Amino acid sequence: MKNYEITFIVDPVLSGDEIKSTAKTYEDLLKKDGCSIVHIEEMGLRQLAYPIKKRHSGVYYTFEFNSEAGNIIDDFELALRRDKRIIRFLTVALDKFGVKYNEDKRNGLIGIRKEKISEEIAEEKKSIAKPTPAPAPAAKPAAKAEEE
């Protein structure tokens, strides 16, 4: 059984329902072909690095799935190419390291370090922001009366 990840960009001009129905269409296509879907991630509207088909943004979706037949990918990519709602797509065959990385990412094991560091920085800022009480001034020795 091979593991795949397909990321595609949907045209943002469509309504929210049309965008979701586009993703649902491809989800159903994968299920119909006998693939087991591991994870579907909607990354939402994002700015593109460069214009694609005169669009500067798009709605990103990523499907991670397992398949036994290799021709399913060809059929799926053909459907993506023919669909005018899809701006661009990328298919990646995952090896065991890619599968483990995606699993760790879903379980929150990737990116924890950044969160912990940001929490530590926030705690440091709080401790710095709290004014510490100033020490009491030291008592000055009484001035001696001058003897004449």
N, C-alpha and C. Protein backbone atom coordinates (compact mmCIF):
# COMPACT_ATOMS: atom_id res chain seq x y z
N MET A 1 0.85 -1.17 0.00
CA MET A 1 0.00 0.00 0.00
C MET A 1 0.90 1.23 0.00
N LYS A 2 0.62 2.16 -0.91
CA LYS A 2 1.42 3.38 -1.01
C LYS A 2 0.69 4.54 -0.36
N ASN A 3 1.49 5.45 0.15
CA ASN A 3 0.95 6.63 0.80
C ASN A 3 1.18 7.84 -0.11
N TYR A 4 0.16 8.66 -0.23
CA TYR A 4 0.24 9.85 -1.08
C TYR A 4 -0.29 11.07 -0.34
N GLU A 5 0.15 12.22 -0.83
CA GLU A 5 -0.35 13.49 -0.33
C GLU A 5 -0.59 14.38 -1.55
N ILE A 6 -1.79 14.88 -1.68
CA ILE A 6 -2.12 15.77 -2.79
C ILE A 6 -2.55 17.10 -2.20
N THR A 7 -1.89 18.17 -2.64
CA THR A 7 -2.25 19.52 -2.24
C THR A 7 -2.76 20.22 -3.49
N PHE A 8 -3.92 20.85 -3.37
CA PHE A 8 -4.43 21.60 -4.52
C PHE A 8 -4.99 22.94 -4.06
N ILE A 9 -5.01 23.87 -5.00
CA ILE A 9 -5.45 25.23 -4.73
C ILE A 9 -6.74 25.47 -5.51
N VAL A 10 -7.78 25.88 -4.79
CA VAL A 10 -9.08 26.15 -5.40
C VAL A 10 -9.20 27.65 -5.64
N ASP A 11 -9.83 28.00 -6.75
CA ASP A 11 -10.03 29.40 -7.13
C ASP A 11 -10.81 30.13 -6.04
N PRO A 12 -10.30 31.25 -5.52
CA PRO A 12 -10.97 31.94 -4.42
C PRO A 12 -12.20 32.74 -4.85
N VAL A 13 -12.44 32.88 -6.14
CA VAL A 13 -13.59 33.65 -6.63
C VAL A 13 -14.89 32.91 -6.35
N LEU A 14 -14.81 31.60 -6.19
CA LEU A 14 -16.01 30.79 -5.92
C LEU A 14 -16.57 31.11 -4.54
N SER A 15 -17.84 30.81 -4.35
CA SER A 15 -18.46 31.01 -3.03
C SER A 15 -17.94 29.93 -2.07
N GLY A 16 -18.16 30.14 -0.79
CA GLY A 16 -17.70 29.19 0.22
C GLY A 16 -18.27 27.80 0.02
N ASP A 17 -19.56 27.73 -0.36
CA ASP A 17 -20.19 26.43 -0.58
C ASP A 17 -19.58 25.72 -1.79
N GLU A 18 -19.30 26.48 -2.85
CA GLU A 18 -18.72 25.87 -4.05
C GLU A 18 -17.31 25.35 -3.76
N ILE A 19 -16.56 26.08 -2.95
CA ILE A 19 -15.20 25.64 -2.59
C ILE A 19 -15.26 24.34 -1.81
N LYS A 20 -16.17 24.27 -0.83
CA LYS A 20 -16.30 23.05 -0.02
C LYS A 20 -16.82 21.89 -0.86
N SER A 21 -17.73 22.17 -1.80
CA SER A 21 -18.24 21.09 -2.64
C SER A 21 -17.15 20.58 -3.59
N THR A 22 -16.24 21.45 -3.99
CA THR A 22 -15.11 21.02 -4.82
C THR A 22 -14.25 20.03 -4.05
N ALA A 23 -13.92 20.37 -2.82
CA ALA A 23 -13.11 19.46 -1.99
C ALA A 23 -13.86 18.16 -1.74
N LYS A 24 -15.16 18.26 -1.48
CA LYS A 24 -15.98 17.07 -1.23
C LYS A 24 -16.01 16.16 -2.47
N THR A 25 -16.03 16.77 -3.65
CA THR A 25 -16.03 16.00 -4.89
C THR A 25 -14.79 15.12 -4.99
N TYR A 26 -13.64 15.70 -4.68
CA TYR A 26 -12.41 14.93 -4.78
C TYR A 26 -12.26 13.93 -3.63
N GLU A 27 -12.81 14.24 -2.49
CA GLU A 27 -12.83 13.28 -1.39
C GLU A 27 -13.66 12.05 -1.80
N ASP A 28 -14.83 12.31 -2.38
CA ASP A 28 -15.69 11.21 -2.84
C ASP A 28 -15.02 10.40 -3.95
N LEU A 29 -14.29 11.08 -4.82
CA LEU A 29 -13.60 10.39 -5.92
C LEU A 29 -12.55 9.43 -5.37
N LEU A 30 -11.83 9.87 -4.35
CA LEU A 30 -10.82 8.99 -3.75
C LEU A 30 -11.48 7.79 -3.05
N LYS A 31 -12.55 8.05 -2.33
CA LYS A 31 -13.25 6.95 -1.63
C LYS A 31 -13.83 5.96 -2.63
N LYS A 32 -14.36 6.48 -3.74
CA LYS A 32 -14.96 5.61 -4.75
C LYS A 32 -13.91 4.69 -5.38
N ASP A 33 -12.69 5.20 -5.51
CA ASP A 33 -11.61 4.41 -6.11
C ASP A 33 -10.95 3.45 -5.13
N GLY A 34 -11.45 3.40 -3.89
CA GLY A 34 -10.94 2.44 -2.93
C GLY A 34 -9.77 2.92 -2.09
N CYS A 35 -9.54 4.21 -2.06
CA CYS A 35 -8.46 4.77 -1.23
C CYS A 35 -8.96 4.96 0.19
N SER A 36 -8.06 4.80 1.13
CA SER A 36 -8.41 5.11 2.52
C SER A 36 -7.80 6.47 2.85
N ILE A 37 -8.66 7.41 3.18
CA ILE A 37 -8.20 8.77 3.46
C ILE A 37 -7.71 8.82 4.90
N VAL A 38 -6.47 9.28 5.06
CA VAL A 38 -5.86 9.38 6.38
C VAL A 38 -6.21 10.72 7.01
N HIS A 39 -6.08 11.80 6.23
CA HIS A 39 -6.31 13.13 6.79
C HIS A 39 -6.63 14.12 5.67
N ILE A 40 -7.57 15.01 5.97
CA ILE A 40 -7.88 16.11 5.05
C ILE A 40 -7.68 17.39 5.83
N GLU A 41 -6.91 18.29 5.24
CA GLU A 41 -6.64 19.56 5.90
C GLU A 41 -7.02 20.70 4.97
N GLU A 42 -7.89 21.57 5.48
CA GLU A 42 -8.23 22.78 4.76
C GLU A 42 -7.39 23.89 5.35
N MET A 43 -6.44 24.40 4.58
CA MET A 43 -5.53 25.42 5.08
C MET A 43 -6.09 26.82 4.90
N GLY A 44 -7.18 26.94 4.19
CA GLY A 44 -7.86 28.22 4.05
C GLY A 44 -7.27 29.10 2.95
N LEU A 45 -7.72 30.32 2.94
CA LEU A 45 -7.31 31.29 1.93
C LEU A 45 -5.90 31.78 2.25
N ARG A 46 -5.03 31.68 1.24
CA ARG A 46 -3.65 32.11 1.40
C ARG A 46 -3.20 32.91 0.19
N GLN A 47 -2.27 33.79 0.44
CA GLN A 47 -1.68 34.59 -0.62
C GLN A 47 -0.72 33.70 -1.41
N LEU A 48 -0.75 33.80 -2.74
CA LEU A 48 0.18 33.04 -3.57
C LEU A 48 1.50 33.81 -3.68
N ALA A 49 2.58 33.08 -3.86
CA ALA A 49 3.89 33.72 -3.99
C ALA A 49 4.00 34.50 -5.30
N TYR A 50 3.30 34.03 -6.31
CA TYR A 50 3.28 34.71 -7.61
C TYR A 50 1.92 34.43 -8.25
N PRO A 51 1.48 35.29 -9.16
CA PRO A 51 0.15 35.08 -9.76
C PRO A 51 0.09 33.78 -10.57
N ILE A 52 -1.00 33.05 -10.39
CA ILE A 52 -1.27 31.84 -11.17
C ILE A 52 -2.64 32.03 -11.80
N LYS A 53 -2.71 31.98 -13.10
CA LYS A 53 -3.95 32.18 -13.85
C LYS A 53 -4.64 33.48 -13.42
N LYS A 54 -3.84 34.53 -13.28
CA LYS A 54 -4.30 35.87 -12.90
C LYS A 54 -4.95 35.93 -11.52
N ARG A 55 -4.60 35.00 -10.66
CA ARG A 55 -5.10 34.99 -9.28
C ARG A 55 -3.92 35.22 -8.35
N HIS A 56 -4.15 35.98 -7.28
CA HIS A 56 -3.10 36.28 -6.32
C HIS A 56 -3.30 35.54 -4.99
N SER A 57 -4.42 34.83 -4.84
CA SER A 57 -4.68 34.06 -3.64
C SER A 57 -5.46 32.81 -4.03
N GLY A 58 -5.55 31.88 -3.09
CA GLY A 58 -6.28 30.65 -3.34
C GLY A 58 -6.57 29.92 -2.05
N VAL A 59 -7.52 29.00 -2.11
CA VAL A 59 -7.90 28.19 -0.94
C VAL A 59 -7.17 26.85 -1.07
N TYR A 60 -6.35 26.55 -0.07
CA TYR A 60 -5.51 25.36 -0.09
C TYR A 60 -6.19 24.19 0.61
N TYR A 61 -6.06 23.01 0.00
CA TYR A 61 -6.50 21.75 0.60
C TYR A 61 -5.38 20.73 0.46
N THR A 62 -5.24 19.88 1.47
CA THR A 62 -4.28 18.78 1.41
C THR A 62 -5.00 17.50 1.81
N PHE A 63 -4.88 16.49 0.95
CA PHE A 63 -5.44 15.17 1.22
C PHE A 63 -4.28 14.21 1.39
N GLU A 64 -4.28 13.48 2.50
CA GLU A 64 -3.30 12.40 2.69
C GLU A 64 -4.09 11.10 2.67
N PHE A 65 -3.65 10.16 1.82
CA PHE A 65 -4.41 8.92 1.67
C PHE A 65 -3.50 7.77 1.30
N ASN A 66 -4.05 6.56 1.43
CA ASN A 66 -3.35 5.32 1.06
C ASN A 66 -4.08 4.70 -0.12
N SER A 67 -3.28 4.11 -1.02
CA SER A 67 -3.88 3.46 -2.18
C SER A 67 -3.04 2.26 -2.58
N GLU A 68 -3.72 1.25 -3.05
CA GLU A 68 -3.01 0.07 -3.52
C GLU A 68 -2.76 0.12 -5.02
N ALA A 69 -3.65 0.73 -5.76
CA ALA A 69 -3.51 0.80 -7.22
C ALA A 69 -2.78 2.07 -7.62
N GLY A 70 -1.84 1.97 -8.53
CA GLY A 70 -1.06 3.12 -8.95
C GLY A 70 -1.76 3.99 -9.98
N ASN A 71 -2.73 3.42 -10.73
CA ASN A 71 -3.40 4.20 -11.78
C ASN A 71 -4.41 5.18 -11.21
N ILE A 72 -4.72 5.08 -9.94
CA ILE A 72 -5.66 6.01 -9.31
C ILE A 72 -5.10 7.42 -9.34
N ILE A 73 -3.79 7.53 -9.15
CA ILE A 73 -3.15 8.85 -9.16
C ILE A 73 -3.29 9.50 -10.53
N ASP A 74 -3.09 8.73 -11.57
CA ASP A 74 -3.22 9.28 -12.93
C ASP A 74 -4.64 9.77 -13.18
N ASP A 75 -5.62 8.98 -12.78
CA ASP A 75 -7.02 9.36 -12.97
C ASP A 75 -7.37 10.60 -12.13
N PHE A 76 -6.86 10.64 -10.91
CA PHE A 76 -7.14 11.77 -10.02
C PHE A 76 -6.52 13.05 -10.58
N GLU A 77 -5.27 12.96 -11.04
CA GLU A 77 -4.61 14.14 -11.60
C GLU A 77 -5.30 14.60 -12.88
N LEU A 78 -5.79 13.68 -13.68
CA LEU A 78 -6.52 14.05 -14.89
C LEU A 78 -7.79 14.82 -14.53
N ALA A 79 -8.48 14.37 -13.49
CA ALA A 79 -9.68 15.08 -13.04
C ALA A 79 -9.33 16.48 -12.53
N LEU A 80 -8.21 16.61 -11.84
CA LEU A 80 -7.78 17.93 -11.36
C LEU A 80 -7.39 18.85 -12.52
N ARG A 81 -6.74 18.31 -13.52
CA ARG A 81 -6.35 19.12 -14.69
C ARG A 81 -7.58 19.62 -15.45
N ARG A 82 -8.61 18.81 -15.53
CA ARG A 82 -9.81 19.19 -16.30
C ARG A 82 -10.71 20.17 -15.55
N ASP A 83 -10.58 20.22 -14.24
CA ASP A 83 -11.46 21.07 -13.44
C ASP A 83 -10.97 22.52 -13.48
N LYS A 84 -11.82 23.42 -13.93
CA LYS A 84 -11.46 24.84 -14.04
C LYS A 84 -11.39 25.51 -12.66
N ARG A 85 -11.98 24.89 -11.65
CA ARG A 85 -11.97 25.47 -10.30
C ARG A 85 -10.62 25.29 -9.60
N ILE A 86 -9.79 24.37 -10.10
CA ILE A 86 -8.49 24.09 -9.50
C ILE A 86 -7.42 24.92 -10.21
N ILE A 87 -6.71 25.73 -9.42
CA ILE A 87 -5.67 26.57 -9.99
C ILE A 87 -4.38 25.78 -10.21
N ARG A 88 -3.98 25.03 -9.19
CA ARG A 88 -2.73 24.27 -9.26
C ARG A 88 -2.83 23.10 -8.29
N PHE A 89 -2.05 22.02 -8.55
CA PHE A 89 -2.03 20.88 -7.63
C PHE A 89 -0.64 20.27 -7.63
N LEU A 90 -0.36 19.52 -6.58
CA LEU A 90 0.91 18.83 -6.43
C LEU A 90 0.65 17.49 -5.76
N THR A 91 1.17 16.43 -6.35
CA THR A 91 1.03 15.09 -5.79
C THR A 91 2.40 14.60 -5.34
N VAL A 92 2.47 14.07 -4.13
CA VAL A 92 3.73 13.57 -3.58
C VAL A 92 3.49 12.15 -3.07
N ALA A 93 4.39 11.23 -3.46
CA ALA A 93 4.36 9.88 -2.89
C ALA A 93 5.19 9.93 -1.61
N LEU A 94 4.59 9.59 -0.49
CA LEU A 94 5.26 9.68 0.81
C LEU A 94 6.02 8.40 1.13
N ASP A 95 7.23 8.56 1.64
CA ASP A 95 7.96 7.41 2.15
C ASP A 95 7.65 7.28 3.64
N LYS A 96 8.30 6.36 4.32
CA LYS A 96 7.98 6.13 5.74
C LYS A 96 8.30 7.36 6.60
N PHE A 97 9.28 8.14 6.20
CA PHE A 97 9.64 9.33 6.97
C PHE A 97 8.60 10.44 6.78
N GLY A 98 8.08 10.56 5.56
CA GLY A 98 7.02 11.54 5.31
C GLY A 98 5.74 11.20 6.06
N VAL A 99 5.42 9.91 6.11
CA VAL A 99 4.23 9.47 6.84
C VAL A 99 4.39 9.76 8.32
N LYS A 100 5.58 9.46 8.87
CA LYS A 100 5.84 9.72 10.30
C LYS A 100 5.80 11.21 10.59
N TYR A 101 6.37 12.03 9.70
CA TYR A 101 6.37 13.48 9.89
C TYR A 101 4.93 14.01 9.94
N ASN A 102 4.10 13.58 8.99
CA ASN A 102 2.71 14.03 8.95
C ASN A 102 1.94 13.58 10.20
N GLU A 103 2.22 12.37 10.65
CA GLU A 103 1.55 11.86 11.84
C GLU A 103 1.96 12.68 13.07
N ASP A 104 3.24 12.96 13.19
CA ASP A 104 3.72 13.78 14.31
C ASP A 104 3.15 15.19 14.24
N LYS A 105 3.03 15.72 13.05
CA LYS A 105 2.48 17.07 12.87
C LYS A 105 1.01 17.11 13.31
N ARG A 106 0.25 16.08 12.94
CA ARG A 106 -1.16 16.02 13.35
C ARG A 106 -1.31 15.86 14.87
N ASN A 107 -0.38 15.12 15.49
CA ASN A 107 -0.45 14.89 16.92
C ASN A 107 0.13 16.04 17.74
N GLY A 108 0.65 17.05 17.08
CA GLY A 108 1.16 18.22 17.77
C GLY A 108 2.59 18.08 18.28
N LEU A 109 3.30 17.08 17.80
CA LEU A 109 4.68 16.90 18.25
C LEU A 109 5.66 17.78 17.49
N ILE A 110 5.23 18.26 16.35
CA ILE A 110 6.06 19.17 15.56
C ILE A 110 5.56 20.58 15.82
N GLY A 111 6.47 21.45 16.16
CA GLY A 111 6.10 22.83 16.45
C GLY A 111 5.95 23.11 17.93
N ILE A 112 6.10 22.11 18.78
CA ILE A 112 5.97 22.31 20.22
C ILE A 112 7.12 23.16 20.73
N ARG A 113 8.28 22.94 20.18
CA ARG A 113 9.45 23.66 20.65
C ARG A 113 9.25 25.16 20.51
N LYS A 114 8.73 25.59 19.39
CA LYS A 114 8.48 27.01 19.18
C LYS A 114 7.46 27.52 20.19
N GLU A 115 6.44 26.74 20.47
CA GLU A 115 5.42 27.16 21.43
C GLU A 115 6.02 27.27 22.82
N LYS A 116 6.85 26.30 23.21
CA LYS A 116 7.46 26.35 24.53
C LYS A 116 8.38 27.55 24.65
N ILE A 117 9.15 27.81 23.60
CA ILE A 117 10.05 28.96 23.62
C ILE A 117 9.25 30.25 23.73
N SER A 118 8.16 30.35 22.99
CA SER A 118 7.35 31.56 23.05
C SER A 118 6.70 31.71 24.43
N GLU A 119 6.31 30.59 25.06
CA GLU A 119 5.76 30.66 26.42
C GLU A 119 6.82 31.12 27.42
N GLU A 120 8.04 30.62 27.26
CA GLU A 120 9.12 31.03 28.15
C GLU A 120 9.41 32.52 27.99
N ILE A 121 9.41 32.99 26.77
CA ILE A 121 9.65 34.41 26.52
C ILE A 121 8.54 35.25 27.13
N ALA A 122 7.30 34.78 27.00
CA ALA A 122 6.18 35.52 27.58
C ALA A 122 6.31 35.57 29.11
N GLU A 123 6.73 34.47 29.73
CA GLU A 123 6.91 34.46 31.18
C GLU A 123 8.02 35.42 31.60
N GLU A 124 9.10 35.46 30.81
CA GLU A 124 10.19 36.38 31.12
C GLU A 124 9.73 37.83 31.02
N LYS A 125 8.94 38.12 30.00
CA LYS A 125 8.43 39.48 29.83
C LYS A 125 7.53 39.87 31.00
N LYS A 126 6.73 38.91 31.48
CA LYS A 126 5.87 39.20 32.63
C LYS A 126 6.70 39.49 33.86
N SER A 127 7.75 38.71 34.07
CA SER A 127 8.58 38.92 35.26
C SER A 127 9.34 40.24 35.16
N ILE A 128 9.73 40.62 33.95
CA ILE A 128 10.41 41.89 33.76
C ILE A 128 9.43 43.04 33.94
N ALA A 129 8.23 42.87 33.49
CA ALA A 129 7.22 43.93 33.55
C ALA A 129 6.78 44.21 34.97
N LYS A 130 6.82 43.22 35.85
CA LYS A 130 6.40 43.43 37.23
C LYS A 130 7.46 44.26 37.94
N PRO A 131 7.07 45.40 38.50
CA PRO A 131 8.08 46.20 39.21
C PRO A 131 8.45 45.52 40.52
N THR A 132 9.72 45.43 40.75
CA THR A 132 10.18 44.85 42.00
C THR A 132 10.28 45.98 43.02
N PRO A 133 9.89 45.70 44.26
CA PRO A 133 9.95 46.78 45.25
C PRO A 133 11.39 47.20 45.48
N ALA A 134 11.56 48.51 45.56
CA ALA A 134 12.90 49.05 45.77
C ALA A 134 13.31 48.81 47.21
N PRO A 135 14.57 48.52 47.43
CA PRO A 135 15.01 48.29 48.81
C PRO A 135 14.91 49.59 49.60
N ALA A 136 14.68 49.46 50.89
CA ALA A 136 14.56 50.64 51.76
C ALA A 136 15.91 51.34 51.82
N PRO A 137 15.89 52.66 51.80
CA PRO A 137 17.18 53.36 51.83
C PRO A 137 17.88 53.11 53.18
N ALA A 138 19.17 53.03 53.11
CA ALA A 138 19.96 52.78 54.32
C ALA A 138 19.92 54.03 55.21
N ALA A 139 19.88 53.79 56.51
CA ALA A 139 19.84 54.92 57.45
C ALA A 139 21.18 55.63 57.44
N LYS A 140 21.11 56.96 57.37
CA LYS A 140 22.34 57.75 57.36
C LYS A 140 22.80 57.93 58.80
N PRO A 141 24.09 57.87 59.04
CA PRO A 141 24.56 58.08 60.40
C PRO A 141 24.29 59.52 60.83
N ALA A 142 23.90 59.66 62.05
CA ALA A 142 23.58 60.99 62.57
C ALA A 142 24.84 61.85 62.56
N ALA A 143 24.64 63.08 62.20
CA ALA A 143 25.78 63.99 62.16
C ALA A 143 26.24 64.30 63.59
N LYS A 144 27.51 64.18 63.81
CA LYS A 144 28.07 64.45 65.14
C LYS A 144 28.13 65.95 65.37
N ALA A 145 27.78 66.31 66.53
CA ALA A 145 27.87 67.73 66.88
C ALA A 145 29.34 68.09 67.02
N GLU A 146 29.67 69.18 66.49
CA GLU A 146 31.08 69.58 66.54
C GLU A 146 31.42 70.04 67.93
N GLU A 147 32.52 69.57 68.43
CA GLU A 147 32.95 69.98 69.76
C GLU A 147 33.86 71.19 69.61
N GLU A 148 33.67 72.14 70.50
CA GLU A 148 34.48 73.34 70.44
C GLU A 148 35.37 73.45 71.60
